[in-house]
Amino acid sequence: YDYYVDEAQCLMVPWDDKVPKFTYNMDAAASGSLFVPTVEMTRLTYFLDSLVKNRHYAMFVGNTGTGKTAIMMNKLRSMDPEAMAYTTINMNSFSDAPSLQVMMEQPLEKKSVRYGPPGSRRLVYFIDDMNMPFVDKYDTQSAIELARQLIDYRGWYDKVKILLKEVMNCQYVACMNPTAGSFNITPRMQRHFVTFAVQMPTADIVRSIYFAIMDGHLGSGGFDGDVARLAGKLVDATIELHRLVMNNFLPSAVKFHYQFNLRETSNIVGGMCRMTKEVYKQPVQAARLWVHECERVFRDRMVNDTDMAKFDEFRSGVTKKYFEELGLASVEERPLLFTSFMQASADDTPLYTPVPTYESLKKALEDKLAEYNETNAVMDLVLFQQAMEHVTRISRIIDLPRWDKLAGRRLPSAVLQAACLAAVLAVSSVIKFQ
């Protein structure tokens, strides 16, 4: 796989020559859909293009955080919308044949006696985490068996009329994590797929990916030269801290969520890309934001004071190594909170800014709470320091694309009220599930 055939020159050419140049896009960064091409991604995309074009089934297999889904989604988004369509199905342990059939029939329409995608387009079903459905007592996974019927029998059965629904112009691509779920799927389904192993990128590739993003943001955002030159240090510090956390905080039965991969690095870099030239004019401000994002991504996951203290030790060491010349006292100064509801630009775009004092934060939250209580059921929330910090954490999560928060606390009412206030700050609707 080190070379590919260049049909124009009739030569074996290294994949490096085929890697497209990365161009930073502010809108893509804001929506969390940036894609930095690498040799591995270019190689997999090349095979994926050929397989999908010729109506073959492709599957990527790899651990969490290797970029399987990102590569697949990048390919699906780049297809010609006039000729191709796609729909994403995320499997889980509760996926079964009846629920999967409903999801697979949604993008289809009836054409005389057959079913297919609208118009003359071809539909690609992207099944993520295909091996996740629960294995029943017959050692089968009903969801996968139903999906297999589309390949082997060109359709599935109507459970009311007991007649075969013939489906045309559809095909599959899939991703699978061998370390989760049932670890494998039935060979009767696996045999239809061309399967590729997606490896974890090397340290050099990881650095090149995140440096391209950070340097692109600081270079194209009109930042001061001193701030822009900090891109390399910010990326190196993030990668080193991630390595320390991943090697020292291992998952257990109680700490099952201590699973760290490239998603955490992406989350930190994504937070750093919320910097704007109007606010971040000094390198120390960028360093403070880096500390804040690291604490939100890593420290907020810690379950006890011992782990938090251990993380603080690692984070302080990395901060001293890379940002000591900026003045550690200034970098570590508290409060160290950043919000997007206290300041806006001239066109009313929220700015991700530091909180100057707890008093100013409390006033802003009290004003928003009073405004909310005027038109809704009164929410009596006491804004002590810990509550305010929790509101800023949830507000930050709501602001980011495709983020969720699971609050594991023994005070569900207080956490719910803090989440409601954070949703109000983000101008989001609140739906409560008991």
Protein backbone atom coordinates (compact mmCIF):
# COMPACT_ATOMS: atom_id res chain seq x y z
CA TYR A 1 0.00 0.00 0.00
CA ASP A 2 2.97 2.40 -0.25
CA TYR A 3 2.32 3.15 -3.92
CA TYR A 4 -0.60 3.47 -6.30
CA VAL A 5 -0.85 3.20 -10.08
CA ASP A 6 -0.91 6.56 -11.83
CA GLU A 7 -2.93 5.76 -14.94
CA ALA A 8 -1.84 8.92 -16.75
CA GLN A 9 1.89 8.17 -16.41
CA CYS A 10 1.62 4.37 -16.17
CA LEU A 11 3.87 4.50 -13.12
CA MET A 12 3.86 3.40 -9.49
CA VAL A 13 3.67 6.67 -7.54
CA PRO A 14 3.94 7.18 -3.74
CA TRP A 15 0.69 8.04 -1.99
CA ASP A 16 2.30 11.24 -0.64
CA ASP A 17 1.98 12.76 -4.12
CA LYS A 18 -1.79 12.23 -4.06
CA VAL A 19 -2.49 13.86 -0.67
CA PRO A 20 -4.52 17.06 -1.33
CA LYS A 21 -3.39 20.32 0.24
CA PHE A 22 -5.28 21.31 3.39
CA THR A 23 -7.08 24.66 3.37
CA TYR A 24 -8.46 25.93 6.65
CA ASN A 25 -12.15 26.83 6.55
CA MET A 26 -13.69 28.90 9.37
CA ASP A 27 -17.23 27.66 8.70
CA ALA A 28 -16.16 24.01 8.71
CA ALA A 29 -14.26 24.57 11.97
CA ALA A 30 -17.34 26.14 13.57
CA SER A 31 -19.49 23.15 12.62
CA GLY A 32 -16.88 20.60 13.72
CA SER A 33 -16.47 19.10 10.24
CA LEU A 34 -12.85 19.95 9.44
CA PHE A 35 -11.01 17.18 7.62
CA VAL A 36 -7.23 17.20 7.34
CA PRO A 37 -6.04 14.77 4.63
CA THR A 38 -3.17 12.41 5.42
CA VAL A 39 -1.52 9.55 3.53
CA GLU A 40 -3.64 6.94 5.32
CA MET A 41 -6.87 8.86 4.74
CA THR A 42 -6.01 9.47 1.09
CA ARG A 43 -5.23 5.79 0.61
CA LEU A 44 -8.48 4.59 2.19
CA THR A 45 -10.56 7.19 0.37
CA TYR A 46 -9.04 6.10 -2.97
CA PHE A 47 -10.20 2.51 -2.44
CA LEU A 48 -13.53 3.64 -1.05
CA ASP A 49 -14.21 5.78 -4.13
CA SER A 50 -13.59 2.84 -6.43
CA LEU A 51 -15.66 0.39 -4.39
CA VAL A 52 -18.70 2.65 -3.99
CA LYS A 53 -18.60 3.63 -7.65
CA ASN A 54 -18.70 -0.04 -8.69
CA ARG A 55 -21.44 -0.93 -6.17
CA HIS A 56 -19.25 -3.00 -3.88
CA TYR A 57 -19.56 -3.00 -0.09
CA ALA A 58 -16.76 -1.50 1.99
CA MET A 59 -16.04 -1.76 5.73
CA PHE A 60 -13.52 0.03 7.95
CA VAL A 61 -12.41 -1.75 11.12
CA GLY A 62 -10.40 -0.04 13.85
CA ASN A 63 -10.32 1.14 17.44
CA THR A 64 -12.07 4.22 18.77
CA GLY A 65 -10.56 7.49 17.59
CA THR A 66 -8.77 6.18 14.48
CA GLY A 67 -10.93 8.30 12.15
CA LYS A 68 -13.06 5.56 10.58
CA THR A 69 -16.29 7.52 10.70
CA ALA A 70 -14.60 10.80 9.70
CA ILE A 71 -13.12 9.25 6.56
CA MET A 72 -16.41 7.60 5.66
CA MET A 73 -18.47 10.75 6.24
CA ASN A 74 -16.02 12.85 4.24
CA LYS A 75 -16.48 10.48 1.31
CA LEU A 76 -20.27 10.46 1.59
CA ARG A 77 -20.49 14.26 1.78
CA SER A 78 -18.31 14.59 -1.33
CA MET A 79 -20.60 12.43 -3.52
CA ASP A 80 -22.60 14.04 -6.32
CA PRO A 81 -25.98 14.86 -4.72
CA GLU A 82 -27.71 14.60 -8.09
CA ALA A 83 -26.66 10.97 -8.55
CA MET A 84 -26.08 9.73 -5.00
CA ALA A 85 -27.71 9.99 -1.58
CA TYR A 86 -26.77 8.58 1.79
CA THR A 87 -28.30 7.96 5.17
CA THR A 88 -26.50 7.18 8.43
CA ILE A 89 -27.59 4.43 10.83
CA ASN A 90 -25.87 4.17 14.21
CA MET A 91 -26.13 0.72 15.75
CA ASN A 92 -26.18 0.06 19.49
CA SER A 93 -26.84 -2.87 21.80
CA PHE A 94 -30.62 -2.28 21.56
CA SER A 95 -30.75 -2.32 17.76
CA ASP A 96 -32.98 -5.10 16.43
CA ALA A 97 -34.59 -6.04 13.14
CA PRO A 98 -37.95 -4.21 13.61
CA SER A 99 -36.35 -0.90 14.59
CA LEU A 100 -33.72 -1.17 11.85
CA GLN A 101 -36.35 -1.86 9.20
CA VAL A 102 -38.19 1.34 10.10
CA MET A 103 -34.96 3.38 9.79
CA MET A 104 -34.00 1.77 6.49
CA GLU A 105 -37.43 2.37 4.95
CA GLN A 106 -37.55 6.08 5.85
CA PRO A 107 -35.47 7.36 2.89
CA LEU A 108 -37.23 5.06 0.41
CA GLU A 109 -40.31 5.63 -1.71
CA LYS A 110 -42.57 3.19 -3.53
CA LYS A 111 -42.08 2.87 -7.29
CA SER A 112 -44.85 0.70 -8.80
CA VAL A 113 -44.12 -2.64 -7.10
CA ARG A 114 -40.61 -1.84 -5.87
CA TYR A 115 -39.00 0.52 -3.38
CA GLY A 116 -35.99 2.77 -3.86
CA PRO A 117 -34.48 6.19 -3.21
CA PRO A 118 -36.21 9.27 -4.70
CA GLY A 119 -35.62 9.92 -8.39
CA SER A 120 -32.87 8.06 -10.17
CA ARG A 121 -30.32 8.42 -7.39
CA ARG A 122 -28.49 5.57 -5.71
CA LEU A 123 -28.71 5.33 -1.91
CA VAL A 124 -25.77 4.40 0.31
CA TYR A 125 -26.59 3.15 3.80
CA PHE A 126 -23.75 3.98 6.18
CA ILE A 127 -24.00 1.62 9.16
CA ASP A 128 -21.74 2.75 12.00
CA ASP A 129 -20.77 0.31 14.79
CA MET A 130 -22.26 -2.60 12.87
CA ASN A 131 -21.18 -5.18 15.45
CA MET A 132 -22.94 -3.49 18.39
CA PRO A 133 -26.39 -5.24 18.31
CA PHE A 134 -27.00 -7.70 21.12
CA VAL A 135 -26.35 -11.37 20.35
CA ASP A 136 -29.49 -13.39 21.13
CA LYS A 137 -29.74 -16.94 22.46
CA TYR A 138 -29.56 -18.31 18.92
CA ASP A 139 -26.12 -16.66 18.49
CA THR A 140 -27.48 -14.23 15.90
CA GLN A 141 -27.94 -10.47 15.67
CA SER A 142 -31.36 -9.82 14.18
CA ALA A 143 -30.50 -6.32 12.95
CA ILE A 144 -27.56 -7.60 10.93
CA GLU A 145 -29.60 -10.50 9.57
CA LEU A 146 -32.22 -8.04 8.32
CA ALA A 147 -29.54 -5.87 6.70
CA ARG A 148 -28.15 -9.01 5.03
CA GLN A 149 -31.51 -9.67 3.38
CA LEU A 150 -31.05 -6.56 1.24
CA ILE A 151 -27.84 -8.05 -0.19
CA ASP A 152 -28.90 -11.68 -0.55
CA TYR A 153 -32.60 -11.26 -1.41
CA ARG A 154 -32.79 -7.64 -2.68
CA GLY A 155 -35.28 -6.62 -0.02
CA TRP A 156 -37.04 -7.56 3.20
CA TYR A 157 -40.50 -8.72 4.19
CA ASP A 158 -43.57 -6.67 5.04
CA LYS A 159 -44.49 -8.03 8.46
CA VAL A 160 -48.21 -7.34 7.95
CA LYS A 161 -48.79 -8.63 4.42
CA ILE A 162 -46.01 -11.24 4.65
CA LEU A 163 -44.78 -10.24 1.21
CA LEU A 164 -41.25 -9.43 0.04
CA LYS A 165 -40.60 -5.71 -0.36
CA GLU A 166 -38.18 -5.51 -3.26
CA VAL A 167 -35.61 -2.71 -2.79
CA MET A 168 -33.42 -1.42 -5.60
CA ASN A 169 -30.51 1.01 -6.07
CA CYS A 170 -29.18 0.64 -2.52
CA GLN A 171 -25.84 -0.45 -1.09
CA TYR A 172 -23.87 -0.47 2.19
CA VAL A 173 -20.73 0.96 3.69
CA ALA A 174 -19.94 0.26 7.33
CA CYS A 175 -17.58 0.84 10.24
CA MET A 176 -16.85 -1.46 13.14
CA ASN A 177 -14.86 -1.34 16.37
CA PRO A 178 -13.51 -4.83 17.15
CA THR A 179 -12.98 -3.97 20.84
CA ALA A 180 -16.67 -3.29 21.50
CA GLY A 181 -19.96 -5.09 21.01
CA SER A 182 -19.84 -8.67 19.76
CA PHE A 183 -16.26 -8.20 18.40
CA ASN A 184 -17.33 -9.68 15.05
CA ILE A 185 -20.40 -10.24 12.90
CA THR A 186 -21.85 -13.25 11.14
CA PRO A 187 -19.61 -14.50 8.30
CA ARG A 188 -22.67 -14.55 6.04
CA MET A 189 -22.67 -10.74 6.23
CA GLN A 190 -18.93 -10.17 6.54
CA ARG A 191 -18.21 -12.02 3.28
CA HIS A 192 -19.94 -9.32 1.25
CA PHE A 193 -17.61 -6.54 2.43
CA VAL A 194 -14.13 -5.52 1.38
CA THR A 195 -12.62 -4.92 4.82
CA PHE A 196 -9.84 -2.43 5.62
CA ALA A 197 -8.02 -2.06 8.94
CA VAL A 198 -7.75 1.58 10.04
CA GLN A 199 -4.66 2.07 12.18
CA MET A 200 -4.04 4.68 14.87
CA PRO A 201 -1.97 7.48 13.29
CA THR A 202 1.63 7.92 14.39
CA ALA A 203 2.73 10.78 16.64
CA ASP A 204 4.17 12.74 13.70
CA ILE A 205 0.93 12.45 11.74
CA VAL A 206 -1.14 13.48 14.77
CA ARG A 207 1.00 16.57 15.23
CA SER A 208 0.79 17.48 11.55
CA ILE A 209 -3.02 17.20 11.63
CA TYR A 210 -3.58 19.44 14.63
CA PHE A 211 -0.82 21.87 13.71
CA ALA A 212 -2.46 22.36 10.31
CA ILE A 213 -5.75 23.20 12.05
CA MET A 214 -4.28 25.46 14.71
CA ASP A 215 -1.89 27.22 12.35
CA GLY A 216 -4.70 27.65 9.84
CA HIS A 217 -6.97 29.24 12.42
CA LEU A 218 -4.36 31.61 13.84
CA GLY A 219 -2.85 32.37 10.45
CA SER A 220 -6.11 33.13 8.65
CA GLY A 221 -7.87 34.80 11.57
CA GLY A 222 -5.84 38.00 11.56
CA PHE A 223 -4.22 37.35 14.93
CA ASP A 224 -1.19 39.21 16.21
CA GLY A 225 2.13 37.64 15.16
CA ASP A 226 3.08 36.65 18.71
CA VAL A 227 -0.22 34.81 19.14
CA ALA A 228 0.02 33.14 15.72
CA ARG A 229 3.52 31.85 16.45
CA LEU A 230 2.15 30.04 19.50
CA ALA A 231 0.41 27.41 17.33
CA GLY A 232 3.25 24.87 17.53
CA LYS A 233 3.57 25.10 21.30
CA LEU A 234 -0.18 24.79 21.83
CA VAL A 235 -0.30 21.61 19.74
CA ASP A 236 2.83 20.08 21.31
CA ALA A 237 1.55 20.82 24.83
CA THR A 238 -1.84 19.27 24.01
CA ILE A 239 -0.30 16.08 22.61
CA GLU A 240 2.09 15.69 25.56
CA LEU A 241 -0.65 16.21 28.15
CA HIS A 242 -2.90 13.78 26.30
CA ARG A 243 -0.16 11.15 26.37
CA LEU A 244 0.35 11.62 30.13
CA VAL A 245 -3.37 11.34 30.84
CA MET A 246 -3.85 8.32 28.59
CA ASN A 247 -0.93 6.43 30.18
CA ASN A 248 -1.73 7.26 33.82
CA PHE A 249 -5.53 7.29 34.03
CA LEU A 250 -6.60 3.81 33.02
CA PRO A 251 -10.21 2.54 32.91
CA SER A 252 -11.59 0.29 35.62
CA ALA A 253 -14.99 -0.97 36.76
CA VAL A 254 -15.61 2.29 38.63
CA LYS A 255 -13.74 4.55 36.19
CA PHE A 256 -15.07 2.94 33.03
CA HIS A 257 -15.20 6.33 31.29
CA TYR A 258 -11.43 6.83 31.60
CA GLN A 259 -10.99 6.08 27.92
CA PHE A 260 -8.90 8.70 26.16
CA ASN A 261 -8.21 8.86 22.43
CA LEU A 262 -7.80 11.45 19.69
CA ARG A 263 -11.28 12.81 20.35
CA GLU A 264 -10.00 14.55 23.46
CA THR A 265 -7.19 16.16 21.48
CA SER A 266 -9.75 17.25 18.88
CA ASN A 267 -11.96 18.72 21.59
CA ILE A 268 -9.10 20.80 23.01
CA VAL A 269 -8.02 22.05 19.60
CA GLY A 270 -11.65 22.73 18.73
CA GLY A 271 -11.96 24.87 21.85
CA MET A 272 -8.80 26.73 20.91
CA CYS A 273 -10.28 27.47 17.49
CA ARG A 274 -12.97 29.55 19.19
CA MET A 275 -10.38 32.29 19.67
CA THR A 276 -11.05 35.58 17.90
CA LYS A 277 -8.60 38.37 17.13
CA GLU A 278 -10.82 40.92 18.90
CA VAL A 279 -10.36 39.22 22.27
CA TYR A 280 -7.09 37.26 22.14
CA LYS A 281 -4.45 39.88 21.48
CA GLN A 282 -1.72 38.56 23.81
CA PRO A 283 -0.04 35.11 23.91
CA VAL A 284 -0.86 34.77 27.61
CA GLN A 285 -4.58 34.88 26.79
CA ALA A 286 -4.17 31.96 24.38
CA ALA A 287 -2.19 30.02 27.00
CA ARG A 288 -4.93 30.63 29.59
CA LEU A 289 -7.56 29.36 27.16
CA TRP A 290 -5.44 26.24 26.58
CA VAL A 291 -5.33 25.56 30.33
CA HIS A 292 -9.09 26.06 30.55
CA GLU A 293 -9.85 23.68 27.67
CA CYS A 294 -7.55 21.00 29.11
CA GLU A 295 -9.29 21.23 32.47
CA ARG A 296 -12.72 21.01 30.87
CA VAL A 297 -11.85 18.06 28.64
CA PHE A 298 -9.73 16.05 31.09
CA ARG A 299 -10.18 17.29 34.66
CA ASP A 300 -13.98 17.35 34.56
CA ARG A 301 -13.88 13.60 33.92
CA MET A 302 -11.99 12.82 37.09
CA VAL A 303 -14.08 11.11 39.77
CA ASN A 304 -12.19 11.98 42.96
CA ASP A 305 -9.83 14.53 44.48
CA THR A 306 -6.82 12.22 44.16
CA ASP A 307 -7.19 11.94 40.40
CA MET A 308 -7.84 15.67 40.08
CA ALA A 309 -4.67 16.48 42.05
CA LYS A 310 -2.68 14.04 39.92
CA PHE A 311 -3.98 15.64 36.74
CA ASP A 312 -3.22 19.13 38.08
CA GLU A 313 0.36 18.00 38.63
CA PHE A 314 0.69 16.78 35.04
CA ARG A 315 -1.01 19.86 33.61
CA SER A 316 1.14 22.25 35.67
CA GLY A 317 4.30 20.49 34.50
CA VAL A 318 3.31 20.76 30.83
CA THR A 319 2.28 24.40 31.30
CA LYS A 320 5.64 25.24 32.85
CA LYS A 321 7.50 23.44 30.06
CA TYR A 322 5.83 25.28 27.18
CA PHE A 323 4.54 28.60 28.58
CA GLU A 324 6.91 29.55 31.39
CA GLU A 325 8.21 32.59 29.46
CA LEU A 326 4.69 34.04 29.44
CA GLY A 327 4.64 34.18 33.25
CA LEU A 328 3.14 31.24 35.11
CA ALA A 329 1.36 33.52 37.59
CA SER A 330 -0.53 35.21 34.74
CA VAL A 331 -1.33 31.92 33.01
CA GLU A 332 -2.62 30.26 36.20
CA GLU A 333 -4.51 33.27 37.57
CA ARG A 334 -8.02 32.48 38.82
CA PRO A 335 -10.89 32.54 38.04
CA LEU A 336 -10.05 30.55 34.93
CA LEU A 337 -13.43 30.35 33.19
CA PHE A 338 -14.43 31.16 29.61
CA THR A 339 -17.98 31.81 28.41
CA SER A 340 -19.77 32.91 25.25
CA PHE A 341 -22.75 34.65 26.90
CA MET A 342 -21.06 37.66 28.52
CA GLN A 343 -19.81 39.48 25.42
CA ALA A 344 -20.76 39.74 21.74
CA SER A 345 -19.26 41.30 18.64
CA ALA A 346 -20.70 44.24 16.71
CA ASP A 347 -22.90 41.88 14.66
CA ASP A 348 -24.18 40.12 17.83
CA THR A 349 -21.98 37.07 17.34
CA PRO A 350 -21.14 35.57 20.77
CA LEU A 351 -17.47 35.87 21.70
CA TYR A 352 -15.67 33.20 23.72
CA THR A 353 -14.19 35.41 26.42
CA PRO A 354 -12.60 34.96 29.88
CA VAL A 355 -14.60 35.70 33.01
CA PRO A 356 -12.91 38.67 34.75
CA THR A 357 -14.40 38.07 38.22
CA TYR A 358 -16.97 35.87 39.90
CA GLU A 359 -18.99 39.00 40.71
CA SER A 360 -19.41 39.90 37.04
CA LEU A 361 -20.31 36.30 36.22
CA LYS A 362 -22.92 36.22 38.98
CA LYS A 363 -24.50 39.45 37.75
CA ALA A 364 -24.73 38.14 34.17
CA LEU A 365 -26.32 34.88 35.33
CA GLU A 366 -28.78 36.66 37.65
CA ASP A 367 -29.89 38.93 34.82
CA LYS A 368 -30.48 35.95 32.51
CA LEU A 369 -32.26 34.04 35.29
CA ALA A 370 -34.56 37.00 36.02
CA GLU A 371 -35.35 37.33 32.31
CA TYR A 372 -36.19 33.63 32.12
CA ASN A 373 -38.42 33.73 35.22
CA GLU A 374 -40.54 36.52 33.74
CA THR A 375 -41.97 34.27 31.00
CA ASN A 376 -41.54 30.76 32.43
CA ALA A 377 -42.07 28.80 35.62
CA VAL A 378 -39.90 30.38 38.29
CA MET A 379 -36.56 28.64 38.70
CA ASP A 380 -35.14 29.48 42.12
CA LEU A 381 -31.44 28.84 41.68
CA VAL A 382 -28.88 29.90 44.29
CA LEU A 383 -25.79 31.03 42.37
CA PHE A 384 -22.93 30.11 44.66
CA GLN A 385 -19.45 29.70 43.16
CA GLN A 386 -19.62 25.98 42.39
CA ALA A 387 -23.05 26.37 40.78
CA MET A 388 -21.79 29.18 38.55
CA GLU A 389 -18.82 27.10 37.47
CA HIS A 390 -21.13 24.21 36.63
CA VAL A 391 -23.37 26.47 34.54
CA THR A 392 -20.37 27.70 32.52
CA ARG A 393 -19.25 24.11 31.91
CA ILE A 394 -22.66 23.04 30.60
CA SER A 395 -23.01 26.23 28.56
CA ARG A 396 -19.67 25.53 26.90
CA ILE A 397 -20.77 22.02 25.98
CA ILE A 398 -24.08 23.21 24.50
CA ASP A 399 -22.23 25.77 22.37
CA LEU A 400 -20.01 23.15 20.73
CA PRO A 401 -21.24 21.07 17.76
CA ARG A 402 -22.23 17.42 18.42
CA TRP A 403 -21.42 17.51 22.13
CA ASP A 404 -23.34 15.89 24.98
CA LYS A 405 -22.96 15.84 28.72
CA LEU A 406 -23.76 13.08 31.18
CA ALA A 407 -24.04 14.54 34.67
CA GLY A 408 -23.27 11.95 37.32
CA ARG A 409 -24.24 13.61 40.57
CA ARG A 410 -26.37 12.87 43.63
CA LEU A 411 -28.20 16.19 43.29
CA PRO A 412 -30.32 15.70 40.17
CA SER A 413 -32.54 18.71 40.86
CA ALA A 414 -29.61 21.13 41.21
CA VAL A 415 -27.86 19.71 38.15
CA LEU A 416 -31.09 19.91 36.14
CA GLN A 417 -31.61 23.55 37.09
CA ALA A 418 -28.01 24.38 36.16
CA ALA A 419 -28.50 22.64 32.80
CA CYS A 420 -31.74 24.56 32.20
CA LEU A 421 -30.02 27.88 32.91
CA ALA A 422 -27.14 26.93 30.61
CA ALA A 423 -29.65 26.11 27.85
CA VAL A 424 -31.30 29.50 28.36
CA LEU A 425 -27.89 31.17 27.99
CA ALA A 426 -27.35 29.29 24.72
CA VAL A 427 -30.89 30.17 23.50
CA SER A 428 -31.75 26.46 23.34
CA SER A 429 -35.03 24.77 24.11
CA VAL A 430 -35.22 22.51 27.14
CA ILE A 431 -36.88 19.09 27.09
CA LYS A 432 -36.84 17.14 30.35
CA PHE A 433 -36.74 13.34 30.49
CA GLN A 434 -37.48 11.77 33.85
